[in-house]
Amino acid sequence: MPGVWHYRPHSHILIDDESFQSAWWPVVVVGVKNRPAWNKIVATKSETAVQACQAAGDCTPDVPTNTFLFFQVLGPGMSPQGPG
């Protein structure tokens, strides 16, 4: 159907909290080759899991892009409106 996009499941893993400041985050793509590998990454949500997946051959190497996401990471008890 023209104009309809079907996106594969995807997730974001943040490696640094940027000291809880708004920041531009570079996007690095990693392809996951099978469902069990995806499930392991989703369960731990860590860079270590992605690196283990890559070492096992179940994920592609990092693919750098020229894409950035802009958002803020909030720590426990932090509000997007700032201090109360």
PDB file of N, CA and C in Angstrom:
ATOM      1  N   MET A   1       0.854  -1.173   0.000  1.00  0.00           N
ATOM      2  CA  MET A   1       0.000   0.000   0.000  1.00  0.00           C
ATOM      3  C   MET A   1       0.899   1.235   0.000  1.00  0.00           C
ATOM      4  N   PRO A   2       0.768   2.107  -0.956  1.00  0.00           N
ATOM      5  CA  PRO A   2       1.618   3.309  -1.012  1.00  0.00           C
ATOM      6  C   PRO A   2       1.427   4.194   0.214  1.00  0.00           C
ATOM      7  N   GLY A   3       2.527   4.715   0.696  1.00  0.00           N
ATOM      8  CA  GLY A   3       2.479   5.637   1.818  1.00  0.00           C
ATOM      9  C   GLY A   3       2.409   4.979   3.182  1.00  0.00           C
ATOM     10  N   VAL A   4       2.388   3.655   3.228  1.00  0.00           N
ATOM     11  CA  VAL A   4       2.346   2.953   4.508  1.00  0.00           C
ATOM     12  C   VAL A   4       3.726   2.378   4.788  1.00  0.00           C
ATOM     13  N   TRP A   5       4.273   2.711   5.938  1.00  0.00           N
ATOM     14  CA  TRP A   5       5.594   2.219   6.318  1.00  0.00           C
ATOM     15  C   TRP A   5       5.451   1.203   7.429  1.00  0.00           C
ATOM     16  N   HIS A   6       6.153   0.109   7.304  1.00  0.00           N
ATOM     17  CA  HIS A   6       6.155  -0.915   8.344  1.00  0.00           C
ATOM     18  C   HIS A   6       7.555  -0.973   8.922  1.00  0.00           C
ATOM     19  N   TYR A   7       7.706  -0.552  10.154  1.00  0.00           N
ATOM     20  CA  TYR A   7       9.007  -0.550  10.802  1.00  0.00           C
ATOM     21  C   TYR A   7       9.205  -1.840  11.574  1.00  0.00           C
ATOM     22  N   ARG A   8      10.395  -2.354  11.476  1.00  0.00           N
ATOM     23  CA  ARG A   8      10.751  -3.515  12.272  1.00  0.00           C
ATOM     24  C   ARG A   8      10.848  -3.090  13.736  1.00  0.00           C
ATOM     25  N   PRO A   9      10.664  -4.047  14.646  1.00  0.00           N
ATOM     26  CA  PRO A   9      10.856  -3.698  16.062  1.00  0.00           C
ATOM     27  C   PRO A   9      12.245  -3.109  16.270  1.00  0.00           C
ATOM     28  N   HIS A  10      12.327  -2.097  17.090  1.00  0.00           N
ATOM     29  CA  HIS A  10      13.626  -1.501  17.381  1.00  0.00           C
ATOM     30  C   HIS A  10      13.612  -0.962  18.808  1.00  0.00           C
ATOM     31  N   SER A  11      14.797  -0.684  19.286  1.00  0.00           N
ATOM     32  CA  SER A  11      14.932  -0.177  20.640  1.00  0.00           C
ATOM     33  C   SER A  11      16.112   0.776  20.678  1.00  0.00           C
ATOM     34  N   HIS A  12      16.240   1.508  21.764  1.00  0.00           N
ATOM     35  CA  HIS A  12      17.357   2.417  21.961  1.00  0.00           C
ATOM     36  C   HIS A  12      18.052   2.061  23.263  1.00  0.00           C
ATOM     37  N   ILE A  13      19.361   1.983  23.205  1.00  0.00           N
ATOM     38  CA  ILE A  13      20.153   1.759  24.405  1.00  0.00           C
ATOM     39  C   ILE A  13      21.056   2.970  24.571  1.00  0.00           C
ATOM     40  N   LEU A  14      20.929   3.636  25.697  1.00  0.00           N
ATOM     41  CA  LEU A  14      21.746   4.811  25.987  1.00  0.00           C
ATOM     42  C   LEU A  14      22.951   4.377  26.804  1.00  0.00           C
ATOM     43  N   ILE A  15      24.120   4.775  26.349  1.00  0.00           N
ATOM     44  CA  ILE A  15      25.352   4.350  27.004  1.00  0.00           C
ATOM     45  C   ILE A  15      25.773   5.325  28.094  1.00  0.00           C
ATOM     46  N   ASP A  16      25.425   6.590  27.958  1.00  0.00           N
ATOM     47  CA  ASP A  16      25.823   7.615  28.924  1.00  0.00           C
ATOM     48  C   ASP A  16      24.592   8.447  29.260  1.00  0.00           C
ATOM     49  N   ASP A  17      24.431   8.827  30.507  1.00  0.00           N
ATOM     50  CA  ASP A  17      23.254   9.619  30.886  1.00  0.00           C
ATOM     51  C   ASP A  17      23.423  11.110  30.605  1.00  0.00           C
ATOM     52  N   GLU A  18      24.595  11.518  30.084  1.00  0.00           N
ATOM     53  CA  GLU A  18      24.852  12.936  29.753  1.00  0.00           C
ATOM     54  C   GLU A  18      24.568  13.851  30.940  1.00  0.00           C
ATOM     55  N   SER A  19      24.815  13.363  32.143  1.00  0.00           N
ATOM     56  CA  SER A  19      24.577  14.121  33.373  1.00  0.00           C
ATOM     57  C   SER A  19      23.143  14.654  33.447  1.00  0.00           C
ATOM     58  N   PHE A  20      22.228  13.913  32.871  1.00  0.00           N
ATOM     59  CA  PHE A  20      20.800  14.232  32.884  1.00  0.00           C
ATOM     60  C   PHE A  20      20.495  15.587  32.246  1.00  0.00           C
ATOM     61  N   GLN A  21      21.239  15.937  31.215  1.00  0.00           N
ATOM     62  CA  GLN A  21      20.996  17.165  30.467  1.00  0.00           C
ATOM     63  C   GLN A  21      20.388  16.824  29.115  1.00  0.00           C
ATOM     64  N   SER A  22      19.633  17.750  28.543  1.00  0.00           N
ATOM     65  CA  SER A  22      19.164  17.566  27.178  1.00  0.00           C
ATOM     66  C   SER A  22      20.387  17.480  26.276  1.00  0.00           C
ATOM     67  N   ALA A  23      20.358  16.577  25.315  1.00  0.00           N
ATOM     68  CA  ALA A  23      21.545  16.380  24.486  1.00  0.00           C
ATOM     69  C   ALA A  23      21.164  15.778  23.143  1.00  0.00           C
ATOM     70  N   TRP A  24      22.034  15.979  22.167  1.00  0.00           N
ATOM     71  CA  TRP A  24      21.921  15.300  20.879  1.00  0.00           C
ATOM     72  C   TRP A  24      22.627  13.957  21.013  1.00  0.00           C
ATOM     73  N   TRP A  25      21.926  12.880  20.704  1.00  0.00           N
ATOM     74  CA  TRP A  25      22.470  11.534  20.825  1.00  0.00           C
ATOM     75  C   TRP A  25      22.739  10.976  19.430  1.00  0.00           C
ATOM     76  N   PRO A  26      23.987  10.596  19.121  1.00  0.00           N
ATOM     77  CA  PRO A  26      24.266   9.992  17.812  1.00  0.00           C
ATOM     78  C   PRO A  26      23.611   8.614  17.717  1.00  0.00           C
ATOM     79  N   VAL A  27      23.059   8.305  16.557  1.00  0.00           N
ATOM     80  CA  VAL A  27      22.433   7.004  16.336  1.00  0.00           C
ATOM     81  C   VAL A  27      23.453   6.067  15.704  1.00  0.00           C
ATOM     82  N   VAL A  28      23.635   4.923  16.333  1.00  0.00           N
ATOM     83  CA  VAL A  28      24.474   3.852  15.787  1.00  0.00           C
ATOM     84  C   VAL A  28      23.554   2.651  15.618  1.00  0.00           C
ATOM     85  N   VAL A  29      23.483   2.119  14.410  1.00  0.00           N
ATOM     86  CA  VAL A  29      22.578   1.015  14.117  1.00  0.00           C
ATOM     87  C   VAL A  29      23.292  -0.308  14.335  1.00  0.00           C
ATOM     88  N   VAL A  30      22.610  -1.235  14.978  1.00  0.00           N
ATOM     89  CA  VAL A  30      23.089  -2.611  15.134  1.00  0.00           C
ATOM     90  C   VAL A  30      21.940  -3.518  14.712  1.00  0.00           C
ATOM     91  N   GLY A  31      22.174  -4.328  13.697  1.00  0.00           N
ATOM     92  CA  GLY A  31      21.152  -5.269  13.246  1.00  0.00           C
ATOM     93  C   GLY A  31      21.190  -6.539  14.080  1.00  0.00           C
ATOM     94  N   VAL A  32      20.027  -6.971  14.544  1.00  0.00           N
ATOM     95  CA  VAL A  32      19.924  -8.212  15.319  1.00  0.00           C
ATOM     96  C   VAL A  32      19.381  -9.277  14.369  1.00  0.00           C
ATOM     97  N   LYS A  33      20.075 -10.403  14.291  1.00  0.00           N
ATOM     98  CA  LYS A  33      19.809 -11.396  13.252  1.00  0.00           C
ATOM     99  C   LYS A  33      18.769 -12.452  13.607  1.00  0.00           C
ATOM    100  N   ASN A  34      18.392 -12.595  14.872  1.00  0.00           N
ATOM    101  CA  ASN A  34      17.413 -13.624  15.212  1.00  0.00           C
ATOM    102  C   ASN A  34      16.672 -13.256  16.501  1.00  0.00           C
ATOM    103  N   ARG A  35      15.532 -13.880  16.709  1.00  0.00           N
ATOM    104  CA  ARG A  35      14.659 -13.567  17.845  1.00  0.00           C
ATOM    105  C   ARG A  35      15.320 -13.863  19.196  1.00  0.00           C
ATOM    106  N   PRO A  36      16.015 -15.004  19.382  1.00  0.00           N
ATOM    107  CA  PRO A  36      16.647 -15.242  20.682  1.00  0.00           C
ATOM    108  C   PRO A  36      17.674 -14.151  21.040  1.00  0.00           C
ATOM    109  N   ALA A  37      18.431 -13.687  20.064  1.00  0.00           N
ATOM    110  CA  ALA A  37      19.401 -12.621  20.327  1.00  0.00           C
ATOM    111  C   ALA A  37      18.672 -11.336  20.717  1.00  0.00           C
ATOM    112  N   TRP A  38      17.597 -11.020  20.002  1.00  0.00           N
ATOM    113  CA  TRP A  38      16.792  -9.835  20.330  1.00  0.00           C
ATOM    114  C   TRP A  38      16.271  -9.933  21.764  1.00  0.00           C
ATOM    115  N   ASN A  39      15.750 -11.099  22.128  1.00  0.00           N
ATOM    116  CA  ASN A  39      15.185 -11.272  23.467  1.00  0.00           C
ATOM    117  C   ASN A  39      16.235 -11.083  24.562  1.00  0.00           C
ATOM    118  N   LYS A  40      17.463 -11.535  24.319  1.00  0.00           N
ATOM    119  CA  LYS A  40      18.534 -11.344  25.306  1.00  0.00           C
ATOM    120  C   LYS A  40      18.838  -9.858  25.495  1.00  0.00           C
ATOM    121  N   ILE A  41      18.895  -9.126  24.395  1.00  0.00           N
ATOM    122  CA  ILE A  41      19.178  -7.690  24.477  1.00  0.00           C
ATOM    123  C   ILE A  41      18.039  -6.964  25.186  1.00  0.00           C
ATOM    124  N   VAL A  42      16.814  -7.288  24.835  1.00  0.00           N
ATOM    125  CA  VAL A  42      15.654  -6.643  25.450  1.00  0.00           C
ATOM    126  C   VAL A  42      15.607  -6.929  26.957  1.00  0.00           C
ATOM    127  N   ALA A  43      16.001  -8.133  27.353  1.00  0.00           N
ATOM    128  CA  ALA A  43      15.947  -8.506  28.765  1.00  0.00           C
ATOM    129  C   ALA A  43      16.940  -7.713  29.610  1.00  0.00           C
ATOM    130  N   THR A  44      18.107  -7.372  29.040  1.00  0.00           N
ATOM    131  CA  THR A  44      19.125  -6.690  29.842  1.00  0.00           C
ATOM    132  C   THR A  44      19.255  -5.209  29.520  1.00  0.00           C
ATOM    133  N   LYS A  45      18.859  -4.821  28.320  1.00  0.00           N
ATOM    134  CA  LYS A  45      18.927  -3.415  27.904  1.00  0.00           C
ATOM    135  C   LYS A  45      20.294  -2.795  28.209  1.00  0.00           C
ATOM    136  N   SER A  46      21.351  -3.464  27.739  1.00  0.00           N
ATOM    137  CA  SER A  46      22.690  -2.965  28.042  1.00  0.00           C
ATOM    138  C   SER A  46      23.614  -3.055  26.835  1.00  0.00           C
ATOM    139  N   GLU A  47      24.623  -2.212  26.858  1.00  0.00           N
ATOM    140  CA  GLU A  47      25.645  -2.254  25.809  1.00  0.00           C
ATOM    141  C   GLU A  47      26.399  -3.583  25.867  1.00  0.00           C
ATOM    142  N   THR A  48      26.577  -4.122  27.055  1.00  0.00           N
ATOM    143  CA  THR A  48      27.260  -5.399  27.219  1.00  0.00           C
ATOM    144  C   THR A  48      26.526  -6.506  26.458  1.00  0.00           C
ATOM    145  N   ALA A  49      25.196  -6.508  26.526  1.00  0.00           N
ATOM    146  CA  ALA A  49      24.408  -7.516  25.812  1.00  0.00           C
ATOM    147  C   ALA A  49      24.579  -7.369  24.300  1.00  0.00           C
ATOM    148  N   VAL A  50      24.619  -6.124  23.823  1.00  0.00           N
ATOM    149  CA  VAL A  50      24.817  -5.887  22.393  1.00  0.00           C
ATOM    150  C   VAL A  50      26.210  -6.364  21.972  1.00  0.00           C
ATOM    151  N   GLN A  51      27.208  -6.053  22.763  1.00  0.00           N
ATOM    152  CA  GLN A  51      28.574  -6.482  22.437  1.00  0.00           C
ATOM    153  C   GLN A  51      28.685  -8.006  22.445  1.00  0.00           C
ATOM    154  N   ALA A  52      28.025  -8.679  23.398  1.00  0.00           N
ATOM    155  CA  ALA A  52      28.037 -10.139  23.435  1.00  0.00           C
ATOM    156  C   ALA A  52      27.343 -10.705  22.191  1.00  0.00           C
ATOM    157  N   CYS A  53      26.257 -10.076  21.788  1.00  0.00           N
ATOM    158  CA  CYS A  53      25.533 -10.488  20.589  1.00  0.00           C
ATOM    159  C   CYS A  53      26.422 -10.351  19.348  1.00  0.00           C
ATOM    160  N   GLN A  54      27.150  -9.245  19.272  1.00  0.00           N
ATOM    161  CA  GLN A  54      28.057  -9.028  18.153  1.00  0.00           C
ATOM    162  C   GLN A  54      29.181 -10.067  18.155  1.00  0.00           C
ATOM    163  N   ALA A  55      29.730 -10.353  19.325  1.00  0.00           N
ATOM    164  CA  ALA A  55      30.818 -11.331  19.435  1.00  0.00           C
ATOM    165  C   ALA A  55      30.352 -12.730  19.028  1.00  0.00           C
ATOM    166  N   ALA A  56      29.081 -13.035  19.305  1.00  0.00           N
ATOM    167  CA  ALA A  56      28.529 -14.347  18.963  1.00  0.00           C
ATOM    168  C   ALA A  56      28.127 -14.442  17.488  1.00  0.00           C
ATOM    169  N   GLY A  57      28.159 -13.301  16.780  1.00  0.00           N
ATOM    170  CA  GLY A  57      27.771 -13.292  15.374  1.00  0.00           C
ATOM    171  C   GLY A  57      26.281 -13.163  15.151  1.00  0.00           C
ATOM    172  N   ASP A  58      25.527 -12.913  16.229  1.00  0.00           N
ATOM    173  CA  ASP A  58      24.080 -12.772  16.115  1.00  0.00           C
ATOM    174  C   ASP A  58      23.630 -11.338  15.872  1.00  0.00           C
ATOM    175  N   CYS A  59      24.574 -10.389  15.911  1.00  0.00           N
ATOM    176  CA  CYS A  59      24.298  -8.978  15.629  1.00  0.00           C
ATOM    177  C   CYS A  59      25.360  -8.460  14.668  1.00  0.00           C
ATOM    178  N   THR A  60      24.993  -7.461  13.891  1.00  0.00           N
ATOM    179  CA  THR A  60      25.956  -6.834  12.985  1.00  0.00           C
ATOM    180  C   THR A  60      26.913  -5.952  13.786  1.00  0.00           C
ATOM    181  N   PRO A  61      28.059  -5.631  13.208  1.00  0.00           N
ATOM    182  CA  PRO A  61      28.904  -4.613  13.845  1.00  0.00           C
ATOM    183  C   PRO A  61      28.158  -3.274  13.883  1.00  0.00           C
ATOM    184  N   ASP A  62      28.655  -2.346  14.698  1.00  0.00           N
ATOM    185  CA  ASP A  62      28.072  -0.997  14.747  1.00  0.00           C
ATOM    186  C   ASP A  62      28.093  -0.371  13.361  1.00  0.00           C
ATOM    187  N   VAL A  63      26.992   0.245  12.974  1.00  0.00           N
ATOM    188  CA  VAL A  63      26.896   0.968  11.706  1.00  0.00           C
ATOM    189  C   VAL A  63      26.667   2.438  12.048  1.00  0.00           C
ATOM    190  N   PRO A  64      27.712   3.276  11.914  1.00  0.00           N
ATOM    191  CA  PRO A  64      27.535   4.700  12.228  1.00  0.00           C
ATOM    192  C   PRO A  64      26.557   5.349  11.240  1.00  0.00           C
ATOM    193  N   THR A  65      25.864   6.374  11.704  1.00  0.00           N
ATOM    194  CA  THR A  65      24.948   7.124  10.839  1.00  0.00           C
ATOM    195  C   THR A  65      25.200   8.615  11.030  1.00  0.00           C
ATOM    196  N   ASN A  66      24.525   9.409  10.234  1.00  0.00           N
ATOM    197  CA  ASN A  66      24.578  10.857  10.433  1.00  0.00           C
ATOM    198  C   ASN A  66      23.265  11.340  11.055  1.00  0.00           C
ATOM    199  N   THR A  67      22.602  10.455  11.759  1.00  0.00           N
ATOM    200  CA  THR A  67      21.332  10.748  12.410  1.00  0.00           C
ATOM    201  C   THR A  67      21.554  10.973  13.901  1.00  0.00           C
ATOM    202  N   PHE A  68      20.815  11.922  14.461  1.00  0.00           N
ATOM    203  CA  PHE A  68      20.886  12.214  15.885  1.00  0.00           C
ATOM    204  C   PHE A  68      19.469  12.283  16.445  1.00  0.00           C
ATOM    205  N   LEU A  69      19.312  11.867  17.683  1.00  0.00           N
ATOM    206  CA  LEU A  69      18.055  12.027  18.410  1.00  0.00           C
ATOM    207  C   LEU A  69      18.283  13.072  19.493  1.00  0.00           C
ATOM    208  N   PHE A  70      17.282  13.895  19.739  1.00  0.00           N
ATOM    209  CA  PHE A  70      17.407  14.906  20.779  1.00  0.00           C
ATOM    210  C   PHE A  70      16.373  14.629  21.854  1.00  0.00           C
ATOM    211  N   PHE A  71      16.837  14.314  23.049  1.00  0.00           N
ATOM    212  CA  PHE A  71      15.946  14.135  24.179  1.00  0.00           C
ATOM    213  C   PHE A  71      16.744  14.188  25.468  1.00  0.00           C
ATOM    214  N   GLN A  72      16.032  14.165  26.572  1.00  0.00           N
ATOM    215  CA  GLN A  72      16.654  14.262  27.891  1.00  0.00           C
ATOM    216  C   GLN A  72      16.411  12.981  28.665  1.00  0.00           C
ATOM    217  N   VAL A  73      17.440  12.512  29.351  1.00  0.00           N
ATOM    218  CA  VAL A  73      17.318  11.361  30.233  1.00  0.00           C
ATOM    219  C   VAL A  73      17.013  11.887  31.627  1.00  0.00           C
ATOM    220  N   LEU A  74      15.974  11.351  32.255  1.00  0.00           N
ATOM    221  CA  LEU A  74      15.603  11.773  33.592  1.00  0.00           C
ATOM    222  C   LEU A  74      16.016  10.714  34.589  1.00  0.00           C
ATOM    223  N   GLY A  75      16.707  11.138  35.638  1.00  0.00           N
ATOM    224  CA  GLY A  75      17.102  10.231  36.698  1.00  0.00           C
ATOM    225  C   GLY A  75      15.931   9.954  37.630  1.00  0.00           C
ATOM    226  N   PRO A  76      16.123   9.067  38.578  1.00  0.00           N
ATOM    227  CA  PRO A  76      15.055   8.738  39.529  1.00  0.00           C
ATOM    228  C   PRO A  76      14.528   9.996  40.224  1.00  0.00           C
ATOM    229  N   GLY A  77      13.236  10.182  40.210  1.00  0.00           N
ATOM    230  CA  GLY A  77      12.604  11.315  40.887  1.00  0.00           C
ATOM    231  C   GLY A  77      12.723  12.638  40.158  1.00  0.00           C
ATOM    232  N   MET A  78      13.341  12.669  38.978  1.00  0.00           N
ATOM    233  CA  MET A  78      13.496  13.923  38.239  1.00  0.00           C
ATOM    234  C   MET A  78      12.237  14.194  37.418  1.00  0.00           C
ATOM    235  N   SER A  79      11.947  15.470  37.216  1.00  0.00           N
ATOM    236  CA  SER A  79      10.760  15.896  36.471  1.00  0.00           C
ATOM    237  C   SER A  79      11.189  16.603  35.191  1.00  0.00           C
ATOM    238  N   PRO A  80      10.457  16.389  34.077  1.00  0.00           N
ATOM    239  CA  PRO A  80      10.783  17.105  32.854  1.00  0.00           C
ATOM    240  C   PRO A  80      10.581  18.617  32.981  1.00  0.00           C
ATOM    241  N   GLN A  81       9.831  19.060  34.014  1.00  0.00           N
ATOM    242  CA  GLN A  81       9.606  20.491  34.221  1.00  0.00           C
ATOM    243  C   GLN A  81      10.726  21.127  35.052  1.00  0.00           C
ATOM    244  N   GLY A  82      11.671  20.343  35.502  1.00  0.00           N
ATOM    245  CA  GLY A  82      12.765  20.878  36.309  1.00  0.00           C
ATOM    246  C   GLY A  82      12.448  20.786  37.796  1.00  0.00           C
ATOM    247  N   PRO A  83      13.307  21.367  38.611  1.00  0.00           N
ATOM    248  CA  PRO A  83      13.103  21.290  40.068  1.00  0.00           C
ATOM    249  C   PRO A  83      11.783  21.946  40.477  1.00  0.00           C
ATOM    250  N   GLY A  84      11.134  21.359  41.457  1.00  0.00           N
ATOM    251  CA  GLY A  84       9.854  21.879  41.962  1.00  0.00           C
ATOM    252  C   GLY A  84      10.072  23.047  42.787  1.00  0.00           C
TER     253      GLY A  84
END
